[in-house]
Amino acid sequence: KTPTSAIGLNLDLETRLGQVMREAGRFAEAKKLLENGLVRAKSLYGPESRFVLLQNEALADLYVDMGDYRAAEQQFREQLRLVRMLEGPESMRESMVLHNFAWLQAARGNAALAEEMFRKAWLMRSRHLGRESTTTLRAESGLARFLISQGRLDEGRIHLAHVASGLTAQLPVDAPALQEVALGQVQLDILEG
């Protein structure tokens, strides 16, 4: 009989392998690993555990990459339910789920809901970590880039400038967060002609 810890380790390794497969574009293999992992996590740890939450997160990312937005939305909704149950309302983890879910809503054309989610994620992080934390600034960057994509250039520019200033002071020049800011600036420049 395999000890539970060994089973859990195997599940964790399979999840990580599924994520590697997703990043390599091997979606069918990733889907099989991650969907099986969700079933196993529920049977091993119960339907409302952190292990199930991790599987939901991995599946949401996969479904987004596959363009299966309906399946991704189901995973995000389940993530929010589990996070709120396991960590309470307005936790840092909830802000991260909301931020990622907001991108999905934007891709689906649900601009009002996307904006609400981006703002809530940003405000939650501001309350927990302060307005100048890199984690908070990353959420504000997402909001800024979303606003710019919606043609709300003045408001997006204000947020983007704040993010650029804060992150430049705290991160190395090649940090991915600064690259996101640069892309937001390029998008802004293009839209302004």
Protein backbone atom coordinates (compact mmCIF):
# COMPACT_ATOMS: atom_id res chain seq x y z
CA LYS A 1 0.00 0.00 0.00
CA THR A 2 1.39 3.43 -1.00
CA PRO A 3 1.49 6.00 1.79
CA THR A 4 -0.71 9.08 1.29
CA SER A 5 2.35 11.36 1.21
CA ALA A 6 3.79 9.37 -1.73
CA ILE A 7 0.45 9.60 -3.54
CA GLY A 8 0.36 13.34 -2.90
CA LEU A 9 3.91 13.72 -4.19
CA ASN A 10 3.00 11.77 -7.33
CA LEU A 11 -0.05 14.01 -7.86
CA ASP A 12 2.11 17.13 -7.42
CA LEU A 13 4.66 15.84 -9.94
CA GLU A 14 1.94 15.02 -12.46
CA THR A 15 0.48 18.51 -12.03
CA ARG A 16 3.86 20.09 -12.64
CA LEU A 17 4.38 17.87 -15.68
CA GLY A 18 0.97 18.96 -16.97
CA GLN A 19 2.00 22.60 -16.56
CA VAL A 20 5.25 21.94 -18.45
CA MET A 21 3.27 20.25 -21.22
CA ARG A 22 0.95 23.27 -21.39
CA GLU A 23 3.88 25.67 -21.66
CA ALA A 24 5.33 23.48 -24.43
CA GLY A 25 2.03 23.68 -26.33
CA ARG A 26 1.27 19.99 -25.80
CA PHE A 27 -2.29 20.69 -24.76
CA ALA A 28 -3.84 17.24 -25.22
CA GLU A 29 -1.24 15.63 -22.95
CA ALA A 30 -1.53 18.44 -20.42
CA LYS A 31 -5.31 18.21 -20.41
CA LYS A 32 -5.28 14.48 -19.72
CA LEU A 33 -2.78 14.85 -16.84
CA LEU A 34 -4.52 17.83 -15.24
CA GLU A 35 -8.08 16.58 -15.58
CA ASN A 36 -7.07 13.20 -14.13
CA GLY A 37 -5.22 15.08 -11.40
CA LEU A 38 -8.38 16.98 -10.46
CA VAL A 39 -10.33 13.73 -10.10
CA ARG A 40 -7.53 12.20 -8.01
CA ALA A 41 -7.17 15.30 -5.82
CA LYS A 42 -10.90 15.25 -5.04
CA SER A 43 -10.82 11.56 -4.14
CA LEU A 44 -7.66 11.88 -2.03
CA TYR A 45 -8.28 15.16 -0.23
CA GLY A 46 -11.98 15.88 -0.65
CA PRO A 47 -13.70 18.31 -3.03
CA GLU A 48 -12.86 21.39 -0.98
CA SER A 49 -9.14 21.25 -0.39
CA ARG A 50 -6.07 23.27 -1.32
CA PHE A 51 -4.98 20.39 -3.55
CA VAL A 52 -8.19 20.68 -5.57
CA LEU A 53 -7.68 24.44 -5.75
CA LEU A 54 -4.21 23.93 -7.25
CA GLN A 55 -5.66 21.60 -9.88
CA ASN A 56 -8.35 24.18 -10.73
CA GLU A 57 -5.66 26.84 -11.18
CA ALA A 58 -3.63 24.65 -13.52
CA LEU A 59 -6.70 23.69 -15.55
CA ALA A 60 -7.89 27.30 -15.87
CA ASP A 61 -4.51 28.29 -17.33
CA LEU A 62 -4.62 25.35 -19.74
CA TYR A 63 -8.16 26.05 -20.92
CA VAL A 64 -7.30 29.72 -21.52
CA ASP A 65 -4.29 28.70 -23.62
CA MET A 66 -6.47 26.23 -25.54
CA GLY A 67 -9.08 28.92 -26.20
CA ASP A 68 -11.74 26.98 -24.30
CA TYR A 69 -13.01 30.04 -22.45
CA ARG A 70 -16.19 28.41 -21.18
CA ALA A 71 -14.23 25.64 -19.45
CA ALA A 72 -11.73 28.21 -18.15
CA GLU A 73 -14.56 30.30 -16.70
CA GLN A 74 -15.90 27.27 -14.83
CA GLN A 75 -12.45 26.69 -13.33
CA PHE A 76 -12.08 30.34 -12.32
CA ARG A 77 -15.50 30.34 -10.66
CA GLU A 78 -14.59 27.20 -8.73
CA GLN A 79 -11.26 28.75 -7.74
CA LEU A 80 -13.04 31.81 -6.33
CA ARG A 81 -15.46 29.63 -4.37
CA LEU A 82 -12.65 27.51 -2.93
CA VAL A 83 -10.38 30.46 -2.13
CA ARG A 84 -13.16 32.29 -0.32
CA MET A 85 -14.02 29.14 1.63
CA LEU A 86 -10.43 28.15 2.47
CA GLU A 87 -8.85 31.57 3.04
CA GLY A 88 -11.80 33.84 3.66
CA PRO A 89 -13.07 36.74 1.58
CA GLU A 90 -10.68 39.30 0.10
CA SER A 91 -7.51 37.30 0.64
CA MET A 92 -4.39 37.88 -1.42
CA ARG A 93 -5.04 34.62 -3.24
CA GLU A 94 -8.52 35.82 -4.17
CA SER A 95 -7.00 38.98 -5.64
CA MET A 96 -4.73 36.85 -7.82
CA VAL A 97 -7.62 34.70 -9.05
CA LEU A 98 -9.69 37.82 -9.78
CA HIS A 99 -6.83 39.40 -11.72
CA ASN A 100 -6.42 36.32 -13.94
CA PHE A 101 -10.18 35.91 -14.29
CA ALA A 102 -10.40 39.55 -15.38
CA TRP A 103 -8.14 38.83 -18.37
CA LEU A 104 -10.46 36.02 -19.39
CA GLN A 105 -13.50 38.30 -19.11
CA ALA A 106 -11.72 40.91 -21.24
CA ALA A 107 -10.92 38.27 -23.88
CA ARG A 108 -14.57 37.23 -23.90
CA GLY A 109 -15.69 40.85 -24.45
CA ASN A 110 -17.15 41.31 -20.95
CA ALA A 111 -15.47 44.69 -20.44
CA ALA A 112 -17.57 45.90 -17.50
CA LEU A 113 -17.05 42.70 -15.52
CA ALA A 114 -13.36 42.61 -16.43
CA GLU A 115 -12.87 46.16 -15.17
CA GLU A 116 -14.71 45.40 -11.94
CA MET A 117 -12.46 42.39 -11.35
CA PHE A 118 -9.24 44.27 -12.21
CA ARG A 119 -10.17 47.10 -9.82
CA LYS A 120 -11.18 44.75 -7.02
CA ALA A 121 -7.93 42.76 -7.33
CA TRP A 122 -5.89 45.97 -7.27
CA LEU A 123 -7.75 47.42 -4.28
CA MET A 124 -7.49 44.17 -2.32
CA ARG A 125 -3.73 44.10 -2.83
CA SER A 126 -3.50 47.78 -1.91
CA ARG A 127 -5.25 47.09 1.38
CA HIS A 128 -3.08 44.06 2.18
CA LEU A 129 0.32 45.23 0.96
CA GLY A 130 0.14 48.98 0.37
CA ARG A 131 -0.09 50.86 -2.89
CA GLU A 132 3.65 50.73 -3.68
CA SER A 133 4.22 46.99 -3.24
CA THR A 134 5.41 45.26 -6.41
CA THR A 135 2.51 42.83 -6.15
CA THR A 136 0.03 45.70 -5.96
CA LEU A 137 1.76 47.51 -8.79
CA ARG A 138 1.49 44.39 -10.96
CA ALA A 139 -2.29 44.40 -10.42
CA GLU A 140 -2.41 48.11 -11.26
CA SER A 141 -0.41 47.37 -14.42
CA GLY A 142 -3.08 44.91 -15.51
CA LEU A 143 -5.76 47.51 -14.88
CA ALA A 144 -3.78 50.13 -16.83
CA ARG A 145 -3.26 47.85 -19.82
CA PHE A 146 -6.93 46.88 -19.77
CA LEU A 147 -8.04 50.54 -19.70
CA ILE A 148 -5.71 51.35 -22.59
CA SER A 149 -7.10 48.41 -24.58
CA GLN A 150 -10.58 49.88 -24.01
CA GLY A 151 -9.51 53.25 -25.43
CA ARG A 152 -9.52 54.94 -22.03
CA LEU A 153 -6.08 56.36 -22.66
CA ASP A 154 -5.99 59.20 -20.13
CA GLU A 155 -6.92 57.00 -17.19
CA GLY A 156 -4.69 54.16 -18.40
CA ARG A 157 -1.75 56.55 -18.81
CA ILE A 158 -2.04 57.75 -15.20
CA HIS A 159 -2.01 54.19 -13.84
CA LEU A 160 0.77 53.11 -16.20
CA ALA A 161 2.97 56.05 -15.17
CA HIS A 162 2.49 55.22 -11.49
CA VAL A 163 3.33 51.57 -12.12
CA ALA A 164 6.40 52.40 -14.22
CA SER A 165 7.75 54.73 -11.55
CA GLY A 166 7.16 52.26 -8.71
CA LEU A 167 8.46 49.17 -10.46
CA THR A 168 11.50 50.91 -11.96
CA ALA A 169 12.57 51.90 -8.46
CA GLN A 170 12.21 48.34 -7.14
CA LEU A 171 13.03 45.88 -9.91
CA PRO A 172 15.94 45.13 -12.25
CA VAL A 173 15.54 46.53 -15.75
CA ASP A 174 14.94 43.08 -17.29
CA ALA A 175 12.13 42.09 -14.89
CA PRO A 176 9.04 40.68 -16.64
CA ALA A 177 6.82 43.19 -14.83
CA LEU A 178 8.75 46.05 -16.43
CA GLN A 179 8.45 44.38 -19.83
CA GLU A 180 4.66 44.33 -19.33
CA VAL A 181 4.77 48.05 -18.55
CA ALA A 182 6.83 48.67 -21.69
CA LEU A 183 4.27 46.76 -23.77
CA GLY A 184 1.51 48.87 -22.22
CA GLN A 185 3.44 52.02 -23.16
CA VAL A 186 3.89 50.78 -26.73
CA GLN A 187 0.15 50.06 -26.96
CA LEU A 188 -0.58 53.54 -25.60
CA ASP A 189 1.84 55.17 -28.07
CA ILE A 190 0.27 53.31 -31.01
CA LEU A 191 -3.26 54.30 -29.99
CA GLU A 192 -2.18 57.92 -29.60
CA GLY A 193 -0.59 57.85 -33.06
